Amino acid sequence: MHIEAESLDNGILKINLAGRMDVQGAQEIDLKFTGYTAKQHAVIVDLSAVDFLASIGIRTLLLSAKAVASRGGRMAVLNPDVNVTKVLEMAGIDTLIPICRSVDEARSAVSA
């Protein structure tokens, strides 16, 4: 897995992920992902380059989203592919973390 972060306007952090969020991939990015989200109040996670999402990857997303929410913030996922979207929806994650199809939609979701 590959991870990088960029700051957007209004204090929004955008985390770009690429690869497979399986056991190995999640382990590769987990510590860095947690570090990026540790003090943020608005986080967008770009999943457009993630082609596989296992339960361990969902766990990474969910734990960080809960931590952000505990500080009064919000997290959204951006543009997951069809298969990743299905996994998120089947797990009910879309009811906890908004799935957005554009950066503008994601900005609104984390700024509201």
N, C-alpha and C. Protein backbone atom coordinates (compact mmCIF):
# COMPACT_ATOMS: atom_id res chain seq x y z
N MET A 1 0.84 -1.18 0.00
CA MET A 1 0.00 0.00 0.00
C MET A 1 0.88 1.24 0.00
N HIS A 2 0.35 2.25 -0.60
CA HIS A 2 1.01 3.55 -0.63
C HIS A 2 0.10 4.55 0.06
N ILE A 3 0.68 5.43 0.86
CA ILE A 3 -0.09 6.46 1.57
C ILE A 3 0.64 7.79 1.46
N GLU A 4 -0.11 8.83 1.23
CA GLU A 4 0.44 10.19 1.29
C GLU A 4 -0.68 11.12 1.73
N ALA A 5 -0.30 12.23 2.31
CA ALA A 5 -1.27 13.19 2.82
C ALA A 5 -0.99 14.56 2.25
N GLU A 6 -2.05 15.32 2.07
CA GLU A 6 -1.92 16.71 1.62
C GLU A 6 -2.93 17.56 2.36
N SER A 7 -2.54 18.78 2.64
CA SER A 7 -3.43 19.71 3.32
C SER A 7 -4.23 20.49 2.29
N LEU A 8 -5.54 20.53 2.51
CA LEU A 8 -6.41 21.34 1.68
C LEU A 8 -6.77 22.59 2.48
N ASP A 9 -7.53 23.47 1.88
CA ASP A 9 -7.92 24.68 2.59
C ASP A 9 -8.87 24.36 3.75
N ASN A 10 -9.04 25.31 4.63
CA ASN A 10 -9.93 25.21 5.79
C ASN A 10 -9.55 24.09 6.75
N GLY A 11 -8.28 23.73 6.83
CA GLY A 11 -7.82 22.73 7.77
C GLY A 11 -8.21 21.30 7.45
N ILE A 12 -8.55 21.05 6.20
CA ILE A 12 -8.94 19.69 5.78
C ILE A 12 -7.68 18.92 5.37
N LEU A 13 -7.55 17.71 5.87
CA LEU A 13 -6.46 16.83 5.48
C LEU A 13 -7.01 15.79 4.51
N LYS A 14 -6.34 15.63 3.39
CA LYS A 14 -6.72 14.62 2.40
C LYS A 14 -5.64 13.54 2.39
N ILE A 15 -6.05 12.32 2.67
CA ILE A 15 -5.14 11.18 2.67
C ILE A 15 -5.41 10.35 1.42
N ASN A 16 -4.37 10.15 0.63
CA ASN A 16 -4.49 9.38 -0.61
C ASN A 16 -3.92 7.99 -0.38
N LEU A 17 -4.75 6.97 -0.62
CA LEU A 17 -4.32 5.59 -0.47
C LEU A 17 -4.31 4.91 -1.83
N ALA A 18 -3.37 3.99 -2.01
CA ALA A 18 -3.30 3.23 -3.26
C ALA A 18 -2.84 1.82 -2.96
N GLY A 19 -3.48 0.85 -3.60
CA GLY A 19 -3.09 -0.55 -3.43
C GLY A 19 -4.21 -1.38 -2.85
N ARG A 20 -3.83 -2.45 -2.19
CA ARG A 20 -4.78 -3.39 -1.60
C ARG A 20 -4.81 -3.20 -0.09
N MET A 21 -5.99 -2.94 0.46
CA MET A 21 -6.14 -2.83 1.91
C MET A 21 -6.51 -4.20 2.47
N ASP A 22 -5.61 -5.14 2.26
CA ASP A 22 -5.74 -6.46 2.86
C ASP A 22 -4.90 -6.46 4.12
N VAL A 23 -4.64 -7.63 4.70
CA VAL A 23 -3.88 -7.69 5.96
C VAL A 23 -2.52 -7.02 5.80
N GLN A 24 -1.78 -7.38 4.76
CA GLN A 24 -0.46 -6.80 4.56
C GLN A 24 -0.53 -5.30 4.29
N GLY A 25 -1.42 -4.90 3.41
CA GLY A 25 -1.54 -3.49 3.06
C GLY A 25 -1.94 -2.62 4.24
N ALA A 26 -2.91 -3.10 5.03
CA ALA A 26 -3.35 -2.34 6.20
C ALA A 26 -2.22 -2.21 7.21
N GLN A 27 -1.44 -3.28 7.40
CA GLN A 27 -0.31 -3.22 8.33
C GLN A 27 0.73 -2.20 7.85
N GLU A 28 0.92 -2.11 6.54
CA GLU A 28 1.91 -1.19 6.00
C GLU A 28 1.56 0.27 6.26
N ILE A 29 0.28 0.59 6.27
CA ILE A 29 -0.11 2.00 6.40
C ILE A 29 -0.74 2.36 7.74
N ASP A 30 -1.07 1.38 8.56
CA ASP A 30 -1.85 1.63 9.77
C ASP A 30 -1.25 2.70 10.68
N LEU A 31 0.00 2.58 11.02
CA LEU A 31 0.64 3.53 11.93
C LEU A 31 0.68 4.93 11.34
N LYS A 32 1.04 5.03 10.08
CA LYS A 32 1.11 6.33 9.42
C LYS A 32 -0.28 6.95 9.29
N PHE A 33 -1.27 6.13 8.92
CA PHE A 33 -2.65 6.61 8.79
C PHE A 33 -3.16 7.16 10.12
N THR A 34 -2.93 6.40 11.18
CA THR A 34 -3.34 6.84 12.52
C THR A 34 -2.64 8.14 12.90
N GLY A 35 -1.37 8.24 12.58
CA GLY A 35 -0.61 9.47 12.85
C GLY A 35 -1.16 10.67 12.10
N TYR A 36 -1.50 10.47 10.83
CA TYR A 36 -2.05 11.56 10.04
C TYR A 36 -3.37 12.06 10.63
N THR A 37 -4.21 11.16 11.10
CA THR A 37 -5.54 11.54 11.56
C THR A 37 -5.58 11.93 13.04
N ALA A 38 -4.48 11.75 13.76
CA ALA A 38 -4.46 11.88 15.22
C ALA A 38 -5.00 13.21 15.75
N LYS A 39 -4.72 14.29 15.08
CA LYS A 39 -5.14 15.60 15.61
C LYS A 39 -6.03 16.36 14.64
N GLN A 40 -6.56 15.68 13.67
CA GLN A 40 -7.36 16.33 12.63
C GLN A 40 -8.84 16.37 13.01
N HIS A 41 -9.52 17.38 12.47
CA HIS A 41 -10.97 17.51 12.66
C HIS A 41 -11.73 17.31 11.36
N ALA A 42 -11.04 17.35 10.24
CA ALA A 42 -11.68 17.17 8.94
C ALA A 42 -10.74 16.35 8.06
N VAL A 43 -11.15 15.13 7.73
CA VAL A 43 -10.29 14.21 6.99
C VAL A 43 -11.06 13.63 5.80
N ILE A 44 -10.44 13.70 4.63
CA ILE A 44 -10.97 13.06 3.43
C ILE A 44 -9.98 11.94 3.08
N VAL A 45 -10.49 10.73 2.92
CA VAL A 45 -9.64 9.58 2.57
C VAL A 45 -9.97 9.19 1.12
N ASP A 46 -9.03 9.45 0.23
CA ASP A 46 -9.22 9.15 -1.19
C ASP A 46 -8.93 7.67 -1.43
N LEU A 47 -9.97 6.91 -1.76
CA LEU A 47 -9.85 5.48 -2.00
C LEU A 47 -9.90 5.13 -3.48
N SER A 48 -9.80 6.11 -4.34
CA SER A 48 -9.95 5.86 -5.78
C SER A 48 -8.90 4.90 -6.34
N ALA A 49 -7.74 4.80 -5.69
CA ALA A 49 -6.68 3.90 -6.17
C ALA A 49 -6.57 2.63 -5.32
N VAL A 50 -7.57 2.40 -4.47
CA VAL A 50 -7.61 1.16 -3.68
C VAL A 50 -8.48 0.17 -4.43
N ASP A 51 -7.89 -0.98 -4.79
CA ASP A 51 -8.64 -1.94 -5.60
C ASP A 51 -9.17 -3.14 -4.81
N PHE A 52 -8.86 -3.20 -3.51
CA PHE A 52 -9.36 -4.28 -2.67
C PHE A 52 -9.43 -3.79 -1.23
N LEU A 53 -10.53 -4.10 -0.55
CA LEU A 53 -10.71 -3.68 0.84
C LEU A 53 -11.18 -4.87 1.66
N ALA A 54 -10.35 -5.30 2.60
CA ALA A 54 -10.69 -6.40 3.50
C ALA A 54 -11.17 -5.83 4.83
N SER A 55 -11.64 -6.70 5.70
CA SER A 55 -12.16 -6.25 6.99
C SER A 55 -11.12 -5.51 7.82
N ILE A 56 -9.87 -5.87 7.70
CA ILE A 56 -8.81 -5.17 8.44
C ILE A 56 -8.67 -3.72 7.95
N GLY A 57 -8.90 -3.51 6.67
CA GLY A 57 -8.88 -2.15 6.12
C GLY A 57 -10.06 -1.34 6.61
N ILE A 58 -11.22 -1.99 6.69
CA ILE A 58 -12.40 -1.33 7.23
C ILE A 58 -12.14 -0.91 8.67
N ARG A 59 -11.48 -1.79 9.43
CA ARG A 59 -11.15 -1.49 10.82
C ARG A 59 -10.29 -0.23 10.92
N THR A 60 -9.29 -0.13 10.06
CA THR A 60 -8.42 1.05 10.05
C THR A 60 -9.23 2.32 9.82
N LEU A 61 -10.12 2.28 8.82
CA LEU A 61 -10.96 3.44 8.52
C LEU A 61 -11.89 3.77 9.69
N LEU A 62 -12.53 2.75 10.22
CA LEU A 62 -13.51 2.96 11.28
C LEU A 62 -12.89 3.49 12.56
N LEU A 63 -11.76 2.93 12.97
CA LEU A 63 -11.12 3.42 14.20
C LEU A 63 -10.69 4.88 14.07
N SER A 64 -10.16 5.24 12.91
CA SER A 64 -9.75 6.64 12.72
C SER A 64 -10.96 7.56 12.65
N ALA A 65 -12.02 7.12 11.99
CA ALA A 65 -13.24 7.94 11.90
C ALA A 65 -13.82 8.18 13.29
N LYS A 66 -13.81 7.14 14.13
CA LYS A 66 -14.32 7.30 15.50
C LYS A 66 -13.44 8.25 16.30
N ALA A 67 -12.13 8.16 16.12
CA ALA A 67 -11.22 9.06 16.84
C ALA A 67 -11.43 10.51 16.41
N VAL A 68 -11.59 10.73 15.11
CA VAL A 68 -11.84 12.07 14.60
C VAL A 68 -13.18 12.59 15.15
N ALA A 69 -14.20 11.73 15.14
CA ALA A 69 -15.52 12.12 15.64
C ALA A 69 -15.49 12.45 17.13
N SER A 70 -14.65 11.75 17.88
CA SER A 70 -14.56 12.00 19.32
C SER A 70 -14.02 13.39 19.62
N ARG A 71 -13.33 13.98 18.65
CA ARG A 71 -12.83 15.35 18.78
C ARG A 71 -13.78 16.35 18.13
N GLY A 72 -14.96 15.90 17.75
CA GLY A 72 -15.94 16.79 17.12
C GLY A 72 -15.72 16.96 15.64
N GLY A 73 -14.90 16.10 15.04
CA GLY A 73 -14.62 16.23 13.61
C GLY A 73 -15.38 15.22 12.78
N ARG A 74 -15.04 15.20 11.48
CA ARG A 74 -15.70 14.30 10.54
C ARG A 74 -14.70 13.75 9.55
N MET A 75 -14.98 12.54 9.09
CA MET A 75 -14.17 11.90 8.07
C MET A 75 -15.10 11.43 6.96
N ALA A 76 -14.61 11.50 5.71
CA ALA A 76 -15.36 11.01 4.56
C ALA A 76 -14.41 10.24 3.65
N VAL A 77 -14.95 9.29 2.91
CA VAL A 77 -14.14 8.60 1.91
C VAL A 77 -14.51 9.13 0.53
N LEU A 78 -13.51 9.19 -0.32
CA LEU A 78 -13.67 9.79 -1.64
C LEU A 78 -13.49 8.75 -2.73
N ASN A 79 -14.49 8.64 -3.56
CA ASN A 79 -14.45 7.94 -4.83
C ASN A 79 -13.90 6.51 -4.81
N PRO A 80 -14.40 5.66 -3.90
CA PRO A 80 -13.96 4.26 -3.96
C PRO A 80 -14.52 3.61 -5.23
N ASP A 81 -13.80 2.60 -5.75
CA ASP A 81 -14.31 1.94 -6.96
C ASP A 81 -15.55 1.11 -6.60
N VAL A 82 -16.17 0.52 -7.60
CA VAL A 82 -17.43 -0.19 -7.42
C VAL A 82 -17.32 -1.30 -6.39
N ASN A 83 -16.27 -2.10 -6.47
CA ASN A 83 -16.12 -3.23 -5.54
C ASN A 83 -15.88 -2.76 -4.11
N VAL A 84 -15.05 -1.75 -3.94
CA VAL A 84 -14.78 -1.21 -2.60
C VAL A 84 -16.04 -0.57 -2.03
N THR A 85 -16.80 0.12 -2.88
CA THR A 85 -18.07 0.71 -2.44
C THR A 85 -19.02 -0.38 -1.94
N LYS A 86 -19.11 -1.48 -2.67
CA LYS A 86 -19.98 -2.59 -2.26
C LYS A 86 -19.58 -3.14 -0.90
N VAL A 87 -18.27 -3.30 -0.67
CA VAL A 87 -17.79 -3.79 0.62
C VAL A 87 -18.17 -2.82 1.73
N LEU A 88 -17.96 -1.53 1.51
CA LEU A 88 -18.30 -0.52 2.51
C LEU A 88 -19.80 -0.54 2.82
N GLU A 89 -20.61 -0.65 1.78
CA GLU A 89 -22.06 -0.67 1.96
C GLU A 89 -22.53 -1.95 2.65
N MET A 90 -21.97 -3.09 2.27
CA MET A 90 -22.36 -4.36 2.90
C MET A 90 -22.00 -4.39 4.38
N ALA A 91 -20.91 -3.73 4.74
CA ALA A 91 -20.49 -3.67 6.14
C ALA A 91 -21.22 -2.56 6.91
N GLY A 92 -22.01 -1.75 6.21
CA GLY A 92 -22.74 -0.67 6.86
C GLY A 92 -21.88 0.54 7.17
N ILE A 93 -20.68 0.58 6.65
CA ILE A 93 -19.76 1.69 6.93
C ILE A 93 -20.27 2.99 6.33
N ASP A 94 -20.99 2.89 5.22
CA ASP A 94 -21.51 4.10 4.56
C ASP A 94 -22.49 4.87 5.45
N THR A 95 -23.03 4.22 6.48
CA THR A 95 -23.91 4.94 7.41
C THR A 95 -23.11 5.69 8.48
N LEU A 96 -21.83 5.34 8.61
CA LEU A 96 -20.97 5.98 9.60
C LEU A 96 -19.98 6.96 8.98
N ILE A 97 -19.50 6.61 7.80
CA ILE A 97 -18.53 7.44 7.08
C ILE A 97 -19.12 7.72 5.71
N PRO A 98 -19.41 8.98 5.40
CA PRO A 98 -20.00 9.28 4.09
C PRO A 98 -19.09 8.88 2.93
N ILE A 99 -19.71 8.34 1.89
CA ILE A 99 -19.01 8.02 0.65
C ILE A 99 -19.31 9.14 -0.33
N CYS A 100 -18.29 9.83 -0.76
CA CYS A 100 -18.45 10.99 -1.63
C CYS A 100 -17.84 10.71 -3.00
N ARG A 101 -18.42 11.32 -4.03
CA ARG A 101 -17.96 11.10 -5.40
C ARG A 101 -17.16 12.25 -5.98
N SER A 102 -17.03 13.35 -5.23
CA SER A 102 -16.21 14.48 -5.70
C SER A 102 -15.54 15.13 -4.49
N VAL A 103 -14.46 15.83 -4.75
CA VAL A 103 -13.75 16.52 -3.68
C VAL A 103 -14.66 17.56 -3.04
N ASP A 104 -15.45 18.26 -3.85
CA ASP A 104 -16.36 19.27 -3.30
C ASP A 104 -17.39 18.64 -2.37
N GLU A 105 -17.93 17.49 -2.77
CA GLU A 105 -18.91 16.80 -1.93
C GLU A 105 -18.24 16.35 -0.63
N ALA A 106 -17.01 15.86 -0.71
CA ALA A 106 -16.29 15.42 0.48
C ALA A 106 -15.98 16.61 1.39
N ARG A 107 -15.59 17.73 0.81
CA ARG A 107 -15.33 18.94 1.62
C ARG A 107 -16.58 19.32 2.40
N SER A 108 -17.71 19.30 1.72
CA SER A 108 -18.97 19.63 2.40
C SER A 108 -19.27 18.65 3.53
N ALA A 109 -19.02 17.36 3.28
CA ALA A 109 -19.31 16.33 4.28
C ALA A 109 -18.47 16.49 5.53
N VAL A 110 -17.22 16.89 5.39
CA VAL A 110 -16.36 17.02 6.58
C VAL A 110 -16.42 18.40 7.20
N SER A 111 -17.00 19.35 6.49
CA SER A 111 -17.09 20.73 7.01
C SER A 111 -18.42 21.02 7.67
N ALA A 112 -19.42 20.18 7.43
CA ALA A 112 -20.77 20.44 7.93
C ALA A 112 -20.86 20.37 9.44
